[in-house]
Amino acid sequence: MRAYFELPYDTDEILAEFGDTFTRTRLALPRSHRELPGLQALQQQLEATLPYVTLSSETAKREILIAPILSRVEVLCQRLLRDDVDELIHLLVGILEDP
């Protein structure tokens, strides 16, 4: 049995076969009141790129979405990303928590 992310079709194409549609919307995630340098530029980059990219493969997700975000997290935490992403996320949560 093949996994969903190995299918050769994009989400919108699969849903169209069943008479349904796919719409991208913004997520409403918790926000921090801290000013984070470079965050606005990252947001603009992702929003400008997303309409032109299909994220049907793990490679596309990793290169288009995850890599730029992790790069910004590295800079904010002033840490080199190695294998322990959980530690980096824990540091970021500490930075984002309001004093």
C-alpha atoms as a PDB file:
ATOM      1  CA  MET A   1       0.000   0.000   0.000  1.00  0.00           C
ATOM      2  CA  ARG A   2       1.395   3.404  -0.981  1.00  0.00           C
ATOM      3  CA  ALA A   3       1.425   6.327   1.396  1.00  0.00           C
ATOM      4  CA  TYR A   4      -0.542   9.472   0.538  1.00  0.00           C
ATOM      5  CA  PHE A   5       2.605  11.577  -0.003  1.00  0.00           C
ATOM      6  CA  GLU A   6       3.848   9.085  -2.606  1.00  0.00           C
ATOM      7  CA  LEU A   7       0.832   9.609  -4.862  1.00  0.00           C
ATOM      8  CA  PRO A   8       1.722  11.323  -8.151  1.00  0.00           C
ATOM      9  CA  TYR A   9      -1.234  13.727  -7.961  1.00  0.00           C
ATOM     10  CA  ASP A  10      -1.732  16.971  -6.101  1.00  0.00           C
ATOM     11  CA  THR A  11      -4.382  17.380  -3.417  1.00  0.00           C
ATOM     12  CA  ASP A  12      -6.617  19.567  -5.581  1.00  0.00           C
ATOM     13  CA  GLU A  13      -6.527  16.994  -8.404  1.00  0.00           C
ATOM     14  CA  ILE A  14      -7.486  14.133  -6.089  1.00  0.00           C
ATOM     15  CA  LEU A  15     -10.360  16.104  -4.575  1.00  0.00           C
ATOM     16  CA  ALA A  16     -11.580  17.163  -8.027  1.00  0.00           C
ATOM     17  CA  GLU A  17     -12.010  13.476  -8.916  1.00  0.00           C
ATOM     18  CA  PHE A  18     -14.498  13.256  -6.047  1.00  0.00           C
ATOM     19  CA  GLY A  19     -16.258  16.494  -7.015  1.00  0.00           C
ATOM     20  CA  ASP A  20     -14.724  18.505  -4.193  1.00  0.00           C
ATOM     21  CA  THR A  21     -12.311  21.424  -4.052  1.00  0.00           C
ATOM     22  CA  PHE A  22      -9.240  22.401  -2.081  1.00  0.00           C
ATOM     23  CA  THR A  23      -8.711  25.901  -0.750  1.00  0.00           C
ATOM     24  CA  ARG A  24      -5.648  27.174   1.053  1.00  0.00           C
ATOM     25  CA  THR A  25      -6.372  29.352   4.048  1.00  0.00           C
ATOM     26  CA  ARG A  26      -4.293  30.996   6.737  1.00  0.00           C
ATOM     27  CA  LEU A  27      -3.955  29.267  10.069  1.00  0.00           C
ATOM     28  CA  ALA A  28      -4.855  31.158  13.218  1.00  0.00           C
ATOM     29  CA  LEU A  29      -1.914  30.237  15.451  1.00  0.00           C
ATOM     30  CA  PRO A  30      -1.006  31.634  18.863  1.00  0.00           C
ATOM     31  CA  ARG A  31       0.906  34.904  18.627  1.00  0.00           C
ATOM     32  CA  SER A  32       3.696  36.414  20.654  1.00  0.00           C
ATOM     33  CA  HIS A  33       3.895  40.104  21.489  1.00  0.00           C
ATOM     34  CA  ARG A  34       7.670  40.080  21.096  1.00  0.00           C
ATOM     35  CA  GLU A  35       9.258  41.722  18.077  1.00  0.00           C
ATOM     36  CA  LEU A  36      11.202  39.086  16.141  1.00  0.00           C
ATOM     37  CA  PRO A  37      13.760  40.355  13.629  1.00  0.00           C
ATOM     38  CA  GLY A  38      13.268  39.010  10.118  1.00  0.00           C
ATOM     39  CA  LEU A  39       9.855  37.546  10.822  1.00  0.00           C
ATOM     40  CA  GLN A  40       8.005  39.971   8.551  1.00  0.00           C
ATOM     41  CA  ALA A  41      10.393  39.225   5.657  1.00  0.00           C
ATOM     42  CA  LEU A  42       9.970  35.478   6.193  1.00  0.00           C
ATOM     43  CA  GLN A  43       6.189  35.829   6.204  1.00  0.00           C
ATOM     44  CA  GLN A  44       6.269  37.869   2.993  1.00  0.00           C
ATOM     45  CA  GLN A  45       8.579  35.335   1.336  1.00  0.00           C
ATOM     46  CA  LEU A  46       6.336  32.394   2.234  1.00  0.00           C
ATOM     47  CA  GLU A  47       3.126  34.174   1.247  1.00  0.00           C
ATOM     48  CA  ALA A  48       4.599  35.225  -2.098  1.00  0.00           C
ATOM     49  CA  THR A  49       5.873  31.707  -2.832  1.00  0.00           C
ATOM     50  CA  LEU A  50       2.963  29.512  -1.720  1.00  0.00           C
ATOM     51  CA  PRO A  51       0.512  30.296  -4.543  1.00  0.00           C
ATOM     52  CA  TYR A  52       3.041  29.022  -7.098  1.00  0.00           C
ATOM     53  CA  VAL A  53       4.138  25.812  -5.391  1.00  0.00           C
ATOM     54  CA  THR A  54       2.368  22.487  -4.983  1.00  0.00           C
ATOM     55  CA  LEU A  55       3.281  20.884  -1.702  1.00  0.00           C
ATOM     56  CA  SER A  56       2.405  17.324  -2.630  1.00  0.00           C
ATOM     57  CA  SER A  57       5.872  15.918  -1.954  1.00  0.00           C
ATOM     58  CA  GLU A  58       7.845  15.820   1.262  1.00  0.00           C
ATOM     59  CA  THR A  59      10.791  17.394  -0.583  1.00  0.00           C
ATOM     60  CA  ALA A  60       8.727  20.401  -1.635  1.00  0.00           C
ATOM     61  CA  LYS A  61       7.401  20.870   1.897  1.00  0.00           C
ATOM     62  CA  ARG A  62      10.886  20.628   3.348  1.00  0.00           C
ATOM     63  CA  GLU A  63      12.522  22.999   0.873  1.00  0.00           C
ATOM     64  CA  ILE A  64       9.750  25.590   0.486  1.00  0.00           C
ATOM     65  CA  LEU A  65       8.238  25.737   3.975  1.00  0.00           C
ATOM     66  CA  ILE A  66      10.349  24.087   6.613  1.00  0.00           C
ATOM     67  CA  ALA A  67      13.881  25.134   5.603  1.00  0.00           C
ATOM     68  CA  PRO A  68      13.252  28.908   5.654  1.00  0.00           C
ATOM     69  CA  ILE A  69      11.433  28.667   8.984  1.00  0.00           C
ATOM     70  CA  LEU A  70      14.147  26.570  10.618  1.00  0.00           C
ATOM     71  CA  SER A  71      16.785  28.964   9.292  1.00  0.00           C
ATOM     72  CA  ARG A  72      15.009  31.868  10.997  1.00  0.00           C
ATOM     73  CA  VAL A  73      14.693  29.832  14.224  1.00  0.00           C
ATOM     74  CA  GLU A  74      18.440  29.133  14.147  1.00  0.00           C
ATOM     75  CA  VAL A  75      19.201  32.838  13.907  1.00  0.00           C
ATOM     76  CA  LEU A  76      16.726  33.786  16.636  1.00  0.00           C
ATOM     77  CA  CYS A  77      18.083  31.101  18.983  1.00  0.00           C
ATOM     78  CA  GLN A  78      21.684  31.693  17.887  1.00  0.00           C
ATOM     79  CA  ARG A  79      22.206  27.961  17.604  1.00  0.00           C
ATOM     80  CA  LEU A  80      23.456  25.668  14.887  1.00  0.00           C
ATOM     81  CA  LEU A  81      20.768  23.228  13.852  1.00  0.00           C
ATOM     82  CA  ARG A  82      21.961  19.697  14.074  1.00  0.00           C
ATOM     83  CA  ASP A  83      19.776  16.658  14.673  1.00  0.00           C
ATOM     84  CA  ASP A  84      17.927  17.879  17.759  1.00  0.00           C
ATOM     85  CA  VAL A  85      15.139  20.057  16.418  1.00  0.00           C
ATOM     86  CA  ASP A  86      13.185  19.539  19.659  1.00  0.00           C
ATOM     87  CA  GLU A  87      15.882  21.385  21.629  1.00  0.00           C
ATOM     88  CA  LEU A  88      15.821  24.250  19.144  1.00  0.00           C
ATOM     89  CA  ILE A  89      12.035  24.498  19.385  1.00  0.00           C
ATOM     90  CA  HIS A  90      12.274  24.528  23.186  1.00  0.00           C
ATOM     91  CA  LEU A  91      14.713  27.463  22.970  1.00  0.00           C
ATOM     92  CA  LEU A  92      12.390  29.292  20.580  1.00  0.00           C
ATOM     93  CA  VAL A  93       9.434  28.839  22.925  1.00  0.00           C
ATOM     94  CA  GLY A  94      11.539  30.427  25.674  1.00  0.00           C
ATOM     95  CA  ILE A  95      12.295  33.390  23.420  1.00  0.00           C
ATOM     96  CA  LEU A  96       8.647  33.815  22.430  1.00  0.00           C
ATOM     97  CA  GLU A  97       7.202  33.686  25.930  1.00  0.00           C
ATOM     98  CA  ASP A  98       6.260  37.127  27.128  1.00  0.00           C
ATOM     99  CA  PRO A  99       8.318  38.334  30.110  1.00  0.00           C
END
